[in-house]
Amino acid sequence: MQYTYTPHGVCSRQILIDVKDDIIQSVRFVGGCNGNTQGIGALVKGMPVQEVVERLEHIHCGNRPTSCPDQLAKALKEVTAASAKPAAE
């Protein structure tokens, strides 16, 4: 399933995430440091969502209290929460 997340406190404006069966299929950042965000996307492809969250959560960018990797972790937590909700009857 594809998800769109709007990050806060970083240069990237959007994170596009495709997850299937709790495995990351692709991640693409809109904006931000192009080489770094492409690298993040390539590294997390094929990884379980929870493992990516554990590795990337709480990473800071300079003096900022967050970073693009941290924002991806936040987005993935939202993805996990959304997929855990029962379907409307």
PDB file of N, CA and C in Angstrom:
ATOM      1  N   MET A   1       0.835  -1.168   0.000  1.00  0.00           N
ATOM      2  CA  MET A   1       0.000   0.000   0.000  1.00  0.00           C
ATOM      3  C   MET A   1       0.887   1.241   0.000  1.00  0.00           C
ATOM      4  N   GLN A   2       0.471   2.253  -0.711  1.00  0.00           N
ATOM      5  CA  GLN A   2       1.263   3.470  -0.789  1.00  0.00           C
ATOM      6  C   GLN A   2       0.762   4.499   0.211  1.00  0.00           C
ATOM      7  N   TYR A   3       1.702   5.193   0.825  1.00  0.00           N
ATOM      8  CA  TYR A   3       1.404   6.211   1.820  1.00  0.00           C
ATOM      9  C   TYR A   3       2.177   7.476   1.480  1.00  0.00           C
ATOM     10  N   THR A   4       1.595   8.616   1.844  1.00  0.00           N
ATOM     11  CA  THR A   4       2.252   9.908   1.695  1.00  0.00           C
ATOM     12  C   THR A   4       2.318  10.547   3.072  1.00  0.00           C
ATOM     13  N   TYR A   5       3.506  11.021   3.436  1.00  0.00           N
ATOM     14  CA  TYR A   5       3.718  11.639   4.745  1.00  0.00           C
ATOM     15  C   TYR A   5       4.333  13.015   4.537  1.00  0.00           C
ATOM     16  N   THR A   6       3.851  13.999   5.292  1.00  0.00           N
ATOM     17  CA  THR A   6       4.420  15.347   5.252  1.00  0.00           C
ATOM     18  C   THR A   6       5.331  15.508   6.457  1.00  0.00           C
ATOM     19  N   PRO A   7       6.647  15.555   6.224  1.00  0.00           N
ATOM     20  CA  PRO A   7       7.594  15.681   7.336  1.00  0.00           C
ATOM     21  C   PRO A   7       7.604  17.091   7.927  1.00  0.00           C
ATOM     22  N   HIS A   8       8.096  17.200   9.136  1.00  0.00           N
ATOM     23  CA  HIS A   8       8.172  18.485   9.844  1.00  0.00           C
ATOM     24  C   HIS A   8       9.592  18.696  10.367  1.00  0.00           C
ATOM     25  N   GLY A   9      10.090  19.935  10.213  1.00  0.00           N
ATOM     26  CA  GLY A   9      11.384  20.294  10.778  1.00  0.00           C
ATOM     27  C   GLY A   9      12.582  19.881   9.940  1.00  0.00           C
ATOM     28  N   VAL A  10      12.336  19.481   8.680  1.00  0.00           N
ATOM     29  CA  VAL A  10      13.425  19.068   7.787  1.00  0.00           C
ATOM     30  C   VAL A  10      13.246  19.728   6.424  1.00  0.00           C
ATOM     31  N   CYS A  11      14.218  19.564   5.563  1.00  0.00           N
ATOM     32  CA  CYS A  11      14.175  20.176   4.231  1.00  0.00           C
ATOM     33  C   CYS A  11      13.223  19.459   3.274  1.00  0.00           C
ATOM     34  N   SER A  12      13.069  18.161   3.427  1.00  0.00           N
ATOM     35  CA  SER A  12      12.179  17.433   2.516  1.00  0.00           C
ATOM     36  C   SER A  12      10.734  17.838   2.786  1.00  0.00           C
ATOM     37  N   ARG A  13       9.932  17.848   1.711  1.00  0.00           N
ATOM     38  CA  ARG A  13       8.549  18.308   1.796  1.00  0.00           C
ATOM     39  C   ARG A  13       7.544  17.164   1.861  1.00  0.00           C
ATOM     40  N   GLN A  14       7.974  15.985   1.421  1.00  0.00           N
ATOM     41  CA  GLN A  14       7.065  14.852   1.381  1.00  0.00           C
ATOM     42  C   GLN A  14       7.870  13.556   1.366  1.00  0.00           C
ATOM     43  N   ILE A  15       7.278  12.492   1.939  1.00  0.00           N
ATOM     44  CA  ILE A  15       7.894  11.171   1.859  1.00  0.00           C
ATOM     45  C   ILE A  15       6.834  10.235   1.294  1.00  0.00           C
ATOM     46  N   LEU A  16       7.176   9.565   0.202  1.00  0.00           N
ATOM     47  CA  LEU A  16       6.284   8.621  -0.452  1.00  0.00           C
ATOM     48  C   LEU A  16       6.770   7.221  -0.125  1.00  0.00           C
ATOM     49  N   ILE A  17       5.893   6.427   0.481  1.00  0.00           N
ATOM     50  CA  ILE A  17       6.283   5.121   1.012  1.00  0.00           C
ATOM     51  C   ILE A  17       5.370   4.049   0.444  1.00  0.00           C
ATOM     52  N   ASP A  18       5.963   2.949   0.015  1.00  0.00           N
ATOM     53  CA  ASP A  18       5.189   1.793  -0.438  1.00  0.00           C
ATOM     54  C   ASP A  18       5.569   0.610   0.447  1.00  0.00           C
ATOM     55  N   VAL A  19       4.579   0.069   1.153  1.00  0.00           N
ATOM     56  CA  VAL A  19       4.791  -1.046   2.076  1.00  0.00           C
ATOM     57  C   VAL A  19       3.842  -2.181   1.712  1.00  0.00           C
ATOM     58  N   LYS A  20       4.372  -3.392   1.708  1.00  0.00           N
ATOM     59  CA  LYS A  20       3.545  -4.579   1.457  1.00  0.00           C
ATOM     60  C   LYS A  20       3.946  -5.641   2.473  1.00  0.00           C
ATOM     61  N   ASP A  21       2.958  -6.157   3.211  1.00  0.00           N
ATOM     62  CA  ASP A  21       3.202  -7.196   4.221  1.00  0.00           C
ATOM     63  C   ASP A  21       4.303  -6.802   5.197  1.00  0.00           C
ATOM     64  N   ASP A  22       4.284  -5.532   5.644  1.00  0.00           N
ATOM     65  CA  ASP A  22       5.255  -4.984   6.600  1.00  0.00           C
ATOM     66  C   ASP A  22       6.688  -4.956   6.083  1.00  0.00           C
ATOM     67  N   ILE A  23       6.859  -5.038   4.769  1.00  0.00           N
ATOM     68  CA  ILE A  23       8.179  -4.917   4.140  1.00  0.00           C
ATOM     69  C   ILE A  23       8.162  -3.674   3.257  1.00  0.00           C
ATOM     70  N   ILE A  24       9.186  -2.853   3.386  1.00  0.00           N
ATOM     71  CA  ILE A  24       9.269  -1.631   2.593  1.00  0.00           C
ATOM     72  C   ILE A  24       9.620  -1.983   1.151  1.00  0.00           C
ATOM     73  N   GLN A  25       8.757  -1.561   0.237  1.00  0.00           N
ATOM     74  CA  GLN A  25       8.978  -1.782  -1.193  1.00  0.00           C
ATOM     75  C   GLN A  25       9.756  -0.622  -1.809  1.00  0.00           C
ATOM     76  N   SER A  26       9.419   0.600  -1.358  1.00  0.00           N
ATOM     77  CA  SER A  26      10.145   1.777  -1.849  1.00  0.00           C
ATOM     78  C   SER A  26       9.891   2.965  -0.934  1.00  0.00           C
ATOM     79  N   VAL A  27      10.849   3.874  -0.929  1.00  0.00           N
ATOM     80  CA  VAL A  27      10.738   5.151  -0.212  1.00  0.00           C
ATOM     81  C   VAL A  27      11.322   6.212  -1.119  1.00  0.00           C
ATOM     82  N   ARG A  28      10.573   7.301  -1.295  1.00  0.00           N
ATOM     83  CA  ARG A  28      11.064   8.419  -2.101  1.00  0.00           C
ATOM     84  C   ARG A  28      10.764   9.717  -1.364  1.00  0.00           C
ATOM     85  N   PHE A  29      11.793  10.537  -1.220  1.00  0.00           N
ATOM     86  CA  PHE A  29      11.650  11.841  -0.586  1.00  0.00           C
ATOM     87  C   PHE A  29      11.480  12.892  -1.673  1.00  0.00           C
ATOM     88  N   VAL A  30      10.621  13.875  -1.419  1.00  0.00           N
ATOM     89  CA  VAL A  30      10.478  15.032  -2.299  1.00  0.00           C
ATOM     90  C   VAL A  30      11.153  16.183  -1.574  1.00  0.00           C
ATOM     91  N   GLY A  31      12.207  16.705  -2.176  1.00  0.00           N
ATOM     92  CA  GLY A  31      12.993  17.748  -1.530  1.00  0.00           C
ATOM     93  C   GLY A  31      14.061  17.124  -0.644  1.00  0.00           C
ATOM     94  N   GLY A  32      14.778  17.966   0.055  1.00  0.00           N
ATOM     95  CA  GLY A  32      15.839  17.479   0.928  1.00  0.00           C
ATOM     96  C   GLY A  32      17.141  17.286   0.170  1.00  0.00           C
ATOM     97  N   CYS A  33      18.102  16.682   0.807  1.00  0.00           N
ATOM     98  CA  CYS A  33      19.420  16.420   0.210  1.00  0.00           C
ATOM     99  C   CYS A  33      19.299  15.194  -0.693  1.00  0.00           C
ATOM    100  N   ASN A  34      19.237  15.422  -1.979  1.00  0.00           N
ATOM    101  CA  ASN A  34      18.907  14.389  -2.950  1.00  0.00           C
ATOM    102  C   ASN A  34      19.728  13.112  -2.808  1.00  0.00           C
ATOM    103  N   GLY A  35      21.017  13.236  -2.726  1.00  0.00           N
ATOM    104  CA  GLY A  35      21.852  12.036  -2.620  1.00  0.00           C
ATOM    105  C   GLY A  35      21.601  11.268  -1.338  1.00  0.00           C
ATOM    106  N   ASN A  36      21.482  11.990  -0.236  1.00  0.00           N
ATOM    107  CA  ASN A  36      21.233  11.333   1.053  1.00  0.00           C
ATOM    108  C   ASN A  36      19.874  10.652   1.083  1.00  0.00           C
ATOM    109  N   THR A  37      18.854  11.341   0.594  1.00  0.00           N
ATOM    110  CA  THR A  37      17.517  10.747   0.652  1.00  0.00           C
ATOM    111  C   THR A  37      17.388   9.567  -0.312  1.00  0.00           C
ATOM    112  N   GLN A  38      18.073   9.629  -1.453  1.00  0.00           N
ATOM    113  CA  GLN A  38      18.081   8.471  -2.353  1.00  0.00           C
ATOM    114  C   GLN A  38      18.784   7.294  -1.680  1.00  0.00           C
ATOM    115  N   GLY A  39      19.847   7.595  -0.964  1.00  0.00           N
ATOM    116  CA  GLY A  39      20.577   6.552  -0.251  1.00  0.00           C
ATOM    117  C   GLY A  39      19.723   5.898   0.821  1.00  0.00           C
ATOM    118  N   ILE A  40      18.979   6.696   1.566  1.00  0.00           N
ATOM    119  CA  ILE A  40      18.088   6.155   2.592  1.00  0.00           C
ATOM    120  C   ILE A  40      17.081   5.210   1.938  1.00  0.00           C
ATOM    121  N   GLY A  41      16.473   5.675   0.841  1.00  0.00           N
ATOM    122  CA  GLY A  41      15.489   4.856   0.138  1.00  0.00           C
ATOM    123  C   GLY A  41      16.065   3.538  -0.336  1.00  0.00           C
ATOM    124  N   ALA A  42      17.282   3.570  -0.864  1.00  0.00           N
ATOM    125  CA  ALA A  42      17.921   2.339  -1.356  1.00  0.00           C
ATOM    126  C   ALA A  42      18.265   1.397  -0.209  1.00  0.00           C
ATOM    127  N   LEU A  43      18.707   1.945   0.908  1.00  0.00           N
ATOM    128  CA  LEU A  43      19.099   1.109   2.046  1.00  0.00           C
ATOM    129  C   LEU A  43      17.923   0.418   2.727  1.00  0.00           C
ATOM    130  N   VAL A  44      16.776   1.088   2.801  1.00  0.00           N
ATOM    131  CA  VAL A  44      15.644   0.513   3.532  1.00  0.00           C
ATOM    132  C   VAL A  44      14.769  -0.396   2.667  1.00  0.00           C
ATOM    133  N   LYS A  45      14.949  -0.348   1.366  1.00  0.00           N
ATOM    134  CA  LYS A  45      14.142  -1.191   0.479  1.00  0.00           C
ATOM    135  C   LYS A  45      14.341  -2.663   0.839  1.00  0.00           C
ATOM    136  N   GLY A  46      13.227  -3.371   1.032  1.00  0.00           N
ATOM    137  CA  GLY A  46      13.267  -4.786   1.376  1.00  0.00           C
ATOM    138  C   GLY A  46      13.377  -5.071   2.859  1.00  0.00           C
ATOM    139  N   MET A  47      13.476  -4.029   3.678  1.00  0.00           N
ATOM    140  CA  MET A  47      13.608  -4.216   5.125  1.00  0.00           C
ATOM    141  C   MET A  47      12.236  -4.221   5.795  1.00  0.00           C
ATOM    142  N   PRO A  48      12.123  -4.933   6.926  1.00  0.00           N
ATOM    143  CA  PRO A  48      10.892  -4.869   7.714  1.00  0.00           C
ATOM    144  C   PRO A  48      10.705  -3.464   8.288  1.00  0.00           C
ATOM    145  N   VAL A  49       9.463  -3.021   8.319  1.00  0.00           N
ATOM    146  CA  VAL A  49       9.150  -1.683   8.813  1.00  0.00           C
ATOM    147  C   VAL A  49       9.721  -1.460  10.213  1.00  0.00           C
ATOM    148  N   GLN A  50       9.491  -2.377  11.134  1.00  0.00           N
ATOM    149  CA  GLN A  50       9.922  -2.185  12.522  1.00  0.00           C
ATOM    150  C   GLN A  50      11.438  -2.053  12.644  1.00  0.00           C
ATOM    151  N   GLU A  51      12.173  -2.787  11.839  1.00  0.00           N
ATOM    152  CA  GLU A  51      13.635  -2.681  11.893  1.00  0.00           C
ATOM    153  C   GLU A  51      14.102  -1.299  11.453  1.00  0.00           C
ATOM    154  N   VAL A  52      13.472  -0.759  10.418  1.00  0.00           N
ATOM    155  CA  VAL A  52      13.829   0.581   9.947  1.00  0.00           C
ATOM    156  C   VAL A  52      13.513   1.610  11.026  1.00  0.00           C
ATOM    157  N   VAL A  53      12.358   1.494  11.658  1.00  0.00           N
ATOM    158  CA  VAL A  53      11.992   2.427  12.728  1.00  0.00           C
ATOM    159  C   VAL A  53      13.044   2.387  13.832  1.00  0.00           C
ATOM    160  N   GLU A  54      13.411   1.196  14.271  1.00  0.00           N
ATOM    161  CA  GLU A  54      14.389   1.057  15.356  1.00  0.00           C
ATOM    162  C   GLU A  54      15.747   1.651  14.990  1.00  0.00           C
ATOM    163  N   ARG A  55      16.144   1.532  13.740  1.00  0.00           N
ATOM    164  CA  ARG A  55      17.462   2.036  13.326  1.00  0.00           C
ATOM    165  C   ARG A  55      17.484   3.549  13.102  1.00  0.00           C
ATOM    166  N   LEU A  56      16.373   4.121  12.622  1.00  0.00           N
ATOM    167  CA  LEU A  56      16.391   5.520  12.189  1.00  0.00           C
ATOM    168  C   LEU A  56      15.787   6.504  13.179  1.00  0.00           C
ATOM    169  N   GLU A  57      15.000   6.005  14.112  1.00  0.00           N
ATOM    170  CA  GLU A  57      14.342   6.886  15.065  1.00  0.00           C
ATOM    171  C   GLU A  57      15.375   7.625  15.915  1.00  0.00           C
ATOM    172  N   HIS A  58      15.123   8.892  16.167  1.00  0.00           N
ATOM    173  CA  HIS A  58      15.929   9.766  17.039  1.00  0.00           C
ATOM    174  C   HIS A  58      17.256  10.216  16.427  1.00  0.00           C
ATOM    175  N   ILE A  59      17.431  10.091  15.131  1.00  0.00           N
ATOM    176  CA  ILE A  59      18.622  10.654  14.478  1.00  0.00           C
ATOM    177  C   ILE A  59      18.368  12.146  14.272  1.00  0.00           C
ATOM    178  N   HIS A  60      19.359  12.970  14.603  1.00  0.00           N
ATOM    179  CA  HIS A  60      19.247  14.420  14.466  1.00  0.00           C
ATOM    180  C   HIS A  60      20.054  14.892  13.266  1.00  0.00           C
ATOM    181  N   CYS A  61      19.658  16.037  12.708  1.00  0.00           N
ATOM    182  CA  CYS A  61      20.390  16.673  11.610  1.00  0.00           C
ATOM    183  C   CYS A  61      20.940  17.994  12.146  1.00  0.00           C
ATOM    184  N   GLY A  62      22.232  18.017  12.398  1.00  0.00           N
ATOM    185  CA  GLY A  62      22.838  19.222  12.965  1.00  0.00           C
ATOM    186  C   GLY A  62      22.205  19.546  14.303  1.00  0.00           C
ATOM    187  N   ASN A  63      21.761  20.802  14.457  1.00  0.00           N
ATOM    188  CA  ASN A  63      21.125  21.235  15.706  1.00  0.00           C
ATOM    189  C   ASN A  63      19.631  20.940  15.748  1.00  0.00           C
ATOM    190  N   ARG A  64      19.097  20.411  14.671  1.00  0.00           N
ATOM    191  CA  ARG A  64      17.666  20.112  14.630  1.00  0.00           C
ATOM    192  C   ARG A  64      17.362  18.892  15.499  1.00  0.00           C
ATOM    193  N   PRO A  65      16.183  18.871  16.106  1.00  0.00           N
ATOM    194  CA  PRO A  65      15.821  17.725  16.939  1.00  0.00           C
ATOM    195  C   PRO A  65      15.310  16.530  16.127  1.00  0.00           C
ATOM    196  N   THR A  66      15.365  16.630  14.811  1.00  0.00           N
ATOM    197  CA  THR A  66      14.898  15.569  13.919  1.00  0.00           C
ATOM    198  C   THR A  66      15.779  15.536  12.678  1.00  0.00           C
ATOM    199  N   SER A  67      15.447  14.647  11.758  1.00  0.00           N
ATOM    200  CA  SER A  67      16.186  14.522  10.499  1.00  0.00           C
ATOM    201  C   SER A  67      15.276  13.808   9.516  1.00  0.00           C
ATOM    202  N   CYS A  68      15.690  13.710   8.264  1.00  0.00           N
ATOM    203  CA  CYS A  68      14.902  12.952   7.289  1.00  0.00           C
ATOM    204  C   CYS A  68      14.770  11.486   7.705  1.00  0.00           C
ATOM    205  N   PRO A  69      15.838  10.827   8.185  1.00  0.00           N
ATOM    206  CA  PRO A  69      15.665   9.451   8.655  1.00  0.00           C
ATOM    207  C   PRO A  69      14.681   9.362   9.827  1.00  0.00           C
ATOM    208  N   ASP A  70      14.757  10.291  10.767  1.00  0.00           N
ATOM    209  CA  ASP A  70      13.841  10.298  11.903  1.00  0.00           C
ATOM    210  C   ASP A  70      12.407  10.520  11.433  1.00  0.00           C
ATOM    211  N   GLN A  71      12.214  11.410  10.474  1.00  0.00           N
ATOM    212  CA  GLN A  71      10.881  11.651   9.935  1.00  0.00           C
ATOM    213  C   GLN A  71      10.347  10.412   9.209  1.00  0.00           C
ATOM    214  N   LEU A  72      11.219   9.670   8.540  1.00  0.00           N
ATOM    215  CA  LEU A  72      10.796   8.416   7.921  1.00  0.00           C
ATOM    216  C   LEU A  72      10.339   7.441   8.994  1.00  0.00           C
ATOM    217  N   ALA A  73      11.052   7.364  10.105  1.00  0.00           N
ATOM    218  CA  ALA A  73      10.643   6.486  11.212  1.00  0.00           C
ATOM    219  C   ALA A  73       9.265   6.889  11.724  1.00  0.00           C
ATOM    220  N   LYS A  74       9.025   8.188  11.869  1.00  0.00           N
ATOM    221  CA  LYS A  74       7.715   8.665  12.322  1.00  0.00           C
ATOM    222  C   LYS A  74       6.640   8.282  11.307  1.00  0.00           C
ATOM    223  N   ALA A  75       6.941   8.438  10.037  1.00  0.00           N
ATOM    224  CA  ALA A  75       5.982   8.082   8.990  1.00  0.00           C
ATOM    225  C   ALA A  75       5.661   6.592   9.044  1.00  0.00           C
ATOM    226  N   LEU A  76       6.672   5.773   9.234  1.00  0.00           N
ATOM    227  CA  LEU A  76       6.463   4.329   9.275  1.00  0.00           C
ATOM    228  C   LEU A  76       5.654   3.913  10.501  1.00  0.00           C
ATOM    229  N   LYS A  77       5.820   4.631  11.595  1.00  0.00           N
ATOM    230  CA  LYS A  77       4.997   4.359  12.779  1.00  0.00           C
ATOM    231  C   LYS A  77       3.531   4.654  12.471  1.00  0.00           C
ATOM    232  N   GLU A  78       3.276   5.725  11.733  1.00  0.00           N
ATOM    233  CA  GLU A  78       1.909   6.048  11.333  1.00  0.00           C
ATOM    234  C   GLU A  78       1.356   4.980  10.394  1.00  0.00           C
ATOM    235  N   VAL A  79       2.197   4.520   9.469  1.00  0.00           N
ATOM    236  CA  VAL A  79       1.790   3.457   8.547  1.00  0.00           C
ATOM    237  C   VAL A  79       1.394   2.218   9.343  1.00  0.00           C
ATOM    238  N   THR A  80       2.200   1.853  10.324  1.00  0.00           N
ATOM    239  CA  THR A  80       1.928   0.678  11.150  1.00  0.00           C
ATOM    240  C   THR A  80       0.621   0.859  11.925  1.00  0.00           C
ATOM    241  N   ALA A  81       0.424   2.033  12.492  1.00  0.00           N
ATOM    242  CA  ALA A  81      -0.801   2.309  13.256  1.00  0.00           C
ATOM    243  C   ALA A  81      -2.026   2.252  12.343  1.00  0.00           C
ATOM    244  N   ALA A  82      -1.903   2.824  11.137  1.00  0.00           N
ATOM    245  CA  ALA A  82      -3.032   2.827  10.198  1.00  0.00           C
ATOM    246  C   ALA A  82      -3.382   1.424   9.742  1.00  0.00           C
ATOM    247  N   SER A  83      -2.381   0.588   9.519  1.00  0.00           N
ATOM    248  CA  SER A  83      -2.652  -0.770   9.048  1.00  0.00           C
ATOM    249  C   SER A  83      -3.159  -1.667  10.168  1.00  0.00           C
ATOM    250  N   ALA A  84      -2.957  -1.264  11.424  1.00  0.00           N
ATOM    251  CA  ALA A  84      -3.414  -2.062  12.559  1.00  0.00           C
ATOM    252  C   ALA A  84      -4.875  -1.805  12.900  1.00  0.00           C
ATOM    253  N   LYS A  85      -5.428  -0.698  12.384  1.00  0.00           N
ATOM    254  CA  LYS A  85      -6.827  -0.372  12.667  1.00  0.00           C
ATOM    255  C   LYS A  85      -7.730  -1.380  11.964  1.00  0.00           C
ATOM    256  N   PRO A  86      -8.756  -1.842  12.650  1.00  0.00           N
ATOM    257  CA  PRO A  86      -9.679  -2.784  12.007  1.00  0.00           C
ATOM    258  C   PRO A  86     -10.470  -2.083  10.891  1.00  0.00           C
ATOM    259  N   ALA A  87     -10.808  -2.836   9.868  1.00  0.00           N
ATOM    260  CA  ALA A  87     -11.571  -2.294   8.748  1.00  0.00           C
ATOM    261  C   ALA A  87     -12.975  -1.924   9.224  1.00  0.00           C
ATOM    262  N   ALA A  88     -13.519  -0.836   8.667  1.00  0.00           N
ATOM    263  CA  ALA A  88     -14.864  -0.411   9.030  1.00  0.00           C
ATOM    264  C   ALA A  88     -15.874  -1.433   8.552  1.00  0.00           C
ATOM    265  N   GLU A  89     -16.830  -1.701   9.385  1.00  0.00           N
ATOM    266  CA  GLU A  89     -17.836  -2.708   9.034  1.00  0.00           C
ATOM    267  C   GLU A  89     -19.018  -2.077   8.382  1.00  0.00           C
TER     268      GLU A  89
END
